[in-house]
């Protein structure tokens, strides 16, 4: 598990052995697992962000476009 991004609003973790990305919206307590074509596009955009110096606001705004996919409630153990 590798943390790709962590802000006050979002948490993004990649799972190299599984080939997917978990995206968590901290404000709603919901998350989702991205894989396949969605994951590929997501990774490409995140790599573009990493190549520059984006603001937290711009990355969080991008991640907000995925909110409709975040349907799993996050449970703390």
N, C-alpha and C. Protein backbone atom coordinates (compact mmCIF):
# COMPACT_ATOMS: atom_id res chain seq x y z
N UNK A 1 0.85 -1.16 0.00
CA UNK A 1 0.00 0.00 0.00
C UNK A 1 0.90 1.23 0.00
N UNK A 2 0.63 2.15 -0.93
CA UNK A 2 1.39 3.39 -1.05
C UNK A 2 0.43 4.57 -1.05
N UNK A 3 0.69 5.52 -0.18
CA UNK A 3 -0.13 6.72 -0.13
C UNK A 3 0.28 7.62 -1.31
N UNK A 4 -0.68 7.90 -2.18
CA UNK A 4 -0.42 8.77 -3.33
C UNK A 4 -0.72 10.23 -2.99
N UNK A 5 -1.73 10.43 -2.13
CA UNK A 5 -2.16 11.79 -1.82
C UNK A 5 -2.93 11.76 -0.51
N UNK A 6 -2.74 12.81 0.27
CA UNK A 6 -3.44 12.93 1.55
C UNK A 6 -3.65 14.41 1.83
N UNK A 7 -4.91 14.81 1.93
CA UNK A 7 -5.23 16.19 2.27
C UNK A 7 -6.28 16.17 3.37
N UNK A 8 -6.76 17.33 3.72
CA UNK A 8 -7.80 17.42 4.73
C UNK A 8 -9.10 16.77 4.25
N UNK A 9 -9.30 16.74 2.92
CA UNK A 9 -10.55 16.24 2.35
C UNK A 9 -10.48 14.85 1.73
N UNK A 10 -9.32 14.46 1.21
CA UNK A 10 -9.21 13.20 0.47
C UNK A 10 -7.96 12.42 0.86
N UNK A 11 -8.07 11.12 0.65
CA UNK A 11 -6.97 10.19 0.90
C UNK A 11 -6.94 9.25 -0.30
N UNK A 12 -5.78 9.11 -0.94
CA UNK A 12 -5.64 8.24 -2.11
C UNK A 12 -4.52 7.25 -1.86
N UNK A 13 -4.84 5.97 -1.99
CA UNK A 13 -3.87 4.90 -1.73
C UNK A 13 -3.84 3.95 -2.93
N UNK A 14 -2.64 3.57 -3.35
CA UNK A 14 -2.54 2.58 -4.42
C UNK A 14 -2.13 1.24 -3.83
N UNK A 15 -2.60 0.19 -4.47
CA UNK A 15 -2.30 -1.18 -4.06
C UNK A 15 -1.57 -1.84 -5.22
N UNK A 16 -0.22 -1.76 -5.24
CA UNK A 16 0.55 -2.26 -6.38
C UNK A 16 0.28 -3.72 -6.73
N UNK A 17 0.17 -4.59 -5.78
CA UNK A 17 -0.06 -6.00 -6.06
C UNK A 17 -1.45 -6.30 -6.59
N UNK A 18 -2.39 -5.44 -6.28
CA UNK A 18 -3.77 -5.64 -6.70
C UNK A 18 -4.12 -4.85 -7.95
N UNK A 19 -3.33 -3.82 -8.24
CA UNK A 19 -3.58 -3.03 -9.42
C UNK A 19 -4.77 -2.12 -9.32
N UNK A 20 -4.95 -1.49 -8.20
CA UNK A 20 -6.08 -0.58 -8.04
C UNK A 20 -5.74 0.58 -7.14
N UNK A 21 -6.67 1.51 -7.05
CA UNK A 21 -6.50 2.70 -6.23
C UNK A 21 -7.75 2.90 -5.39
N UNK A 22 -7.54 3.14 -4.10
CA UNK A 22 -8.65 3.47 -3.22
C UNK A 22 -8.69 4.97 -3.02
N UNK A 23 -9.86 5.54 -3.20
CA UNK A 23 -10.07 6.97 -3.01
C UNK A 23 -11.09 7.14 -1.89
N UNK A 24 -10.74 7.94 -0.89
CA UNK A 24 -11.61 8.17 0.26
C UNK A 24 -11.88 9.66 0.40
N UNK A 25 -13.16 10.01 0.50
CA UNK A 25 -13.57 11.37 0.80
C UNK A 25 -13.74 11.45 2.31
N UNK A 26 -12.83 12.14 2.97
CA UNK A 26 -12.85 12.22 4.43
C UNK A 26 -14.05 13.00 4.95
N UNK A 27 -14.56 13.93 4.16
CA UNK A 27 -15.67 14.76 4.64
C UNK A 27 -16.99 14.00 4.69
N UNK A 28 -17.17 13.03 3.79
CA UNK A 28 -18.40 12.24 3.78
C UNK A 28 -18.23 10.87 4.39
N UNK A 29 -16.99 10.44 4.60
CA UNK A 29 -16.75 9.12 5.15
C UNK A 29 -17.04 8.01 4.16
N UNK A 30 -16.89 8.29 2.87
CA UNK A 30 -17.17 7.31 1.82
C UNK A 30 -15.92 7.10 0.97
N UNK A 31 -15.81 5.89 0.43
CA UNK A 31 -14.68 5.58 -0.41
C UNK A 31 -15.07 4.68 -1.55
N UNK A 32 -14.11 4.47 -2.44
CA UNK A 32 -14.34 3.59 -3.57
C UNK A 32 -13.02 3.07 -4.09
N UNK A 33 -13.09 1.97 -4.83
CA UNK A 33 -11.90 1.35 -5.40
C UNK A 33 -11.93 1.54 -6.91
N UNK A 34 -10.90 2.16 -7.44
CA UNK A 34 -10.81 2.43 -8.87
C UNK A 34 -9.93 1.38 -9.52
N UNK A 35 -10.40 0.82 -10.62
CA UNK A 35 -9.60 -0.15 -11.37
C UNK A 35 -9.97 -0.08 -12.84
N UNK A 36 -9.21 -0.76 -13.67
CA UNK A 36 -9.48 -0.77 -15.10
C UNK A 36 -9.19 0.57 -15.75
N UNK A 37 -10.02 0.93 -16.73
CA UNK A 37 -9.82 2.16 -17.49
C UNK A 37 -9.91 3.40 -16.60
N UNK A 38 -10.77 3.36 -15.60
CA UNK A 38 -10.90 4.51 -14.69
C UNK A 38 -9.59 4.71 -13.93
N UNK A 39 -9.00 3.62 -13.47
CA UNK A 39 -7.72 3.70 -12.76
C UNK A 39 -6.63 4.25 -13.65
N UNK A 40 -6.55 3.78 -14.88
CA UNK A 40 -5.52 4.23 -15.82
C UNK A 40 -5.61 5.74 -16.03
N UNK A 41 -6.81 6.24 -16.29
CA UNK A 41 -7.00 7.68 -16.50
C UNK A 41 -6.69 8.46 -15.22
N UNK A 42 -7.12 7.93 -14.08
CA UNK A 42 -6.86 8.58 -12.80
C UNK A 42 -5.35 8.70 -12.57
N UNK A 43 -4.62 7.60 -12.78
CA UNK A 43 -3.16 7.61 -12.60
C UNK A 43 -2.49 8.64 -13.52
N UNK A 44 -2.94 8.70 -14.76
CA UNK A 44 -2.34 9.65 -15.71
C UNK A 44 -2.52 11.08 -15.23
N UNK A 45 -3.69 11.41 -14.75
CA UNK A 45 -3.95 12.76 -14.27
C UNK A 45 -3.15 13.05 -13.01
N UNK A 46 -3.09 12.09 -12.10
CA UNK A 46 -2.29 12.28 -10.88
C UNK A 46 -0.81 12.45 -11.21
N UNK A 47 -0.31 11.74 -12.22
CA UNK A 47 1.09 11.89 -12.64
C UNK A 47 1.32 13.29 -13.20
N UNK A 48 0.35 13.82 -13.94
CA UNK A 48 0.45 15.20 -14.44
C UNK A 48 0.53 16.19 -13.29
N UNK A 49 -0.30 15.96 -12.27
CA UNK A 49 -0.24 16.82 -11.09
C UNK A 49 1.14 16.73 -10.42
N UNK A 50 1.65 15.53 -10.29
CA UNK A 50 2.94 15.32 -9.61
C UNK A 50 4.09 15.98 -10.37
N UNK A 51 3.96 16.11 -11.68
CA UNK A 51 5.01 16.72 -12.49
C UNK A 51 5.08 18.23 -12.28
N UNK A 52 4.01 18.81 -11.80
CA UNK A 52 3.99 20.26 -11.55
C UNK A 52 3.94 20.56 -10.09
N UNK A 53 3.43 21.72 -9.77
CA UNK A 53 3.27 22.13 -8.38
C UNK A 53 1.83 22.57 -8.15
N UNK A 54 0.91 21.61 -8.16
CA UNK A 54 -0.50 21.97 -8.02
C UNK A 54 -0.84 22.37 -6.59
N UNK A 55 -1.88 23.15 -6.47
CA UNK A 55 -2.36 23.51 -5.13
C UNK A 55 -3.21 22.36 -4.61
N UNK A 56 -3.35 22.30 -3.31
CA UNK A 56 -4.22 21.30 -2.69
C UNK A 56 -5.64 21.48 -3.21
N UNK A 57 -6.05 22.71 -3.38
CA UNK A 57 -7.40 23.00 -3.86
C UNK A 57 -7.64 22.42 -5.25
N UNK A 58 -6.65 22.54 -6.15
CA UNK A 58 -6.84 22.03 -7.51
C UNK A 58 -6.88 20.51 -7.54
N UNK A 59 -6.07 19.86 -6.71
CA UNK A 59 -6.10 18.39 -6.65
C UNK A 59 -7.42 17.93 -6.03
N UNK A 60 -7.83 18.57 -4.95
CA UNK A 60 -9.10 18.21 -4.31
C UNK A 60 -10.28 18.44 -5.27
N UNK A 61 -10.22 19.49 -6.06
CA UNK A 61 -11.29 19.74 -7.04
C UNK A 61 -11.35 18.60 -8.06
N UNK A 62 -10.19 18.17 -8.54
CA UNK A 62 -10.13 17.03 -9.46
C UNK A 62 -10.72 15.78 -8.80
N UNK A 63 -10.33 15.50 -7.58
CA UNK A 63 -10.82 14.31 -6.88
C UNK A 63 -12.32 14.38 -6.66
N UNK A 64 -12.85 15.57 -6.52
CA UNK A 64 -14.29 15.75 -6.34
C UNK A 64 -15.10 15.24 -7.51
N UNK A 65 -14.49 15.16 -8.68
CA UNK A 65 -15.19 14.62 -9.86
C UNK A 65 -15.49 13.13 -9.71
N UNK A 66 -14.83 12.47 -8.79
CA UNK A 66 -15.02 11.04 -8.56
C UNK A 66 -16.00 10.75 -7.42
N UNK A 67 -16.56 11.76 -6.81
CA UNK A 67 -17.44 11.57 -5.65
C UNK A 67 -18.60 10.62 -5.91
N UNK A 68 -19.14 10.62 -7.12
CA UNK A 68 -20.28 9.74 -7.44
C UNK A 68 -19.89 8.26 -7.35
N UNK A 69 -18.60 7.95 -7.48
CA UNK A 69 -18.14 6.56 -7.40
C UNK A 69 -17.86 6.11 -5.98
N UNK A 70 -17.87 7.04 -5.05
CA UNK A 70 -17.51 6.73 -3.66
C UNK A 70 -18.77 6.34 -2.90
N UNK A 71 -19.11 5.07 -2.96
CA UNK A 71 -20.36 4.59 -2.39
C UNK A 71 -20.18 3.71 -1.15
N UNK A 72 -18.95 3.36 -0.83
CA UNK A 72 -18.71 2.48 0.31
C UNK A 72 -18.45 3.29 1.58
N UNK A 73 -19.27 3.08 2.62
CA UNK A 73 -19.01 3.80 3.88
C UNK A 73 -17.70 3.29 4.49
N UNK A 74 -16.93 4.23 5.01
CA UNK A 74 -15.66 3.87 5.65
C UNK A 74 -15.92 3.61 7.12
N UNK A 75 -15.40 2.51 7.62
CA UNK A 75 -15.60 2.11 8.99
C UNK A 75 -14.24 2.04 9.67
N UNK A 76 -14.14 2.66 10.83
CA UNK A 76 -12.90 2.63 11.59
C UNK A 76 -12.97 1.47 12.56
N UNK A 77 -11.94 0.67 12.58
CA UNK A 77 -11.90 -0.49 13.49
C UNK A 77 -11.19 -0.16 14.76
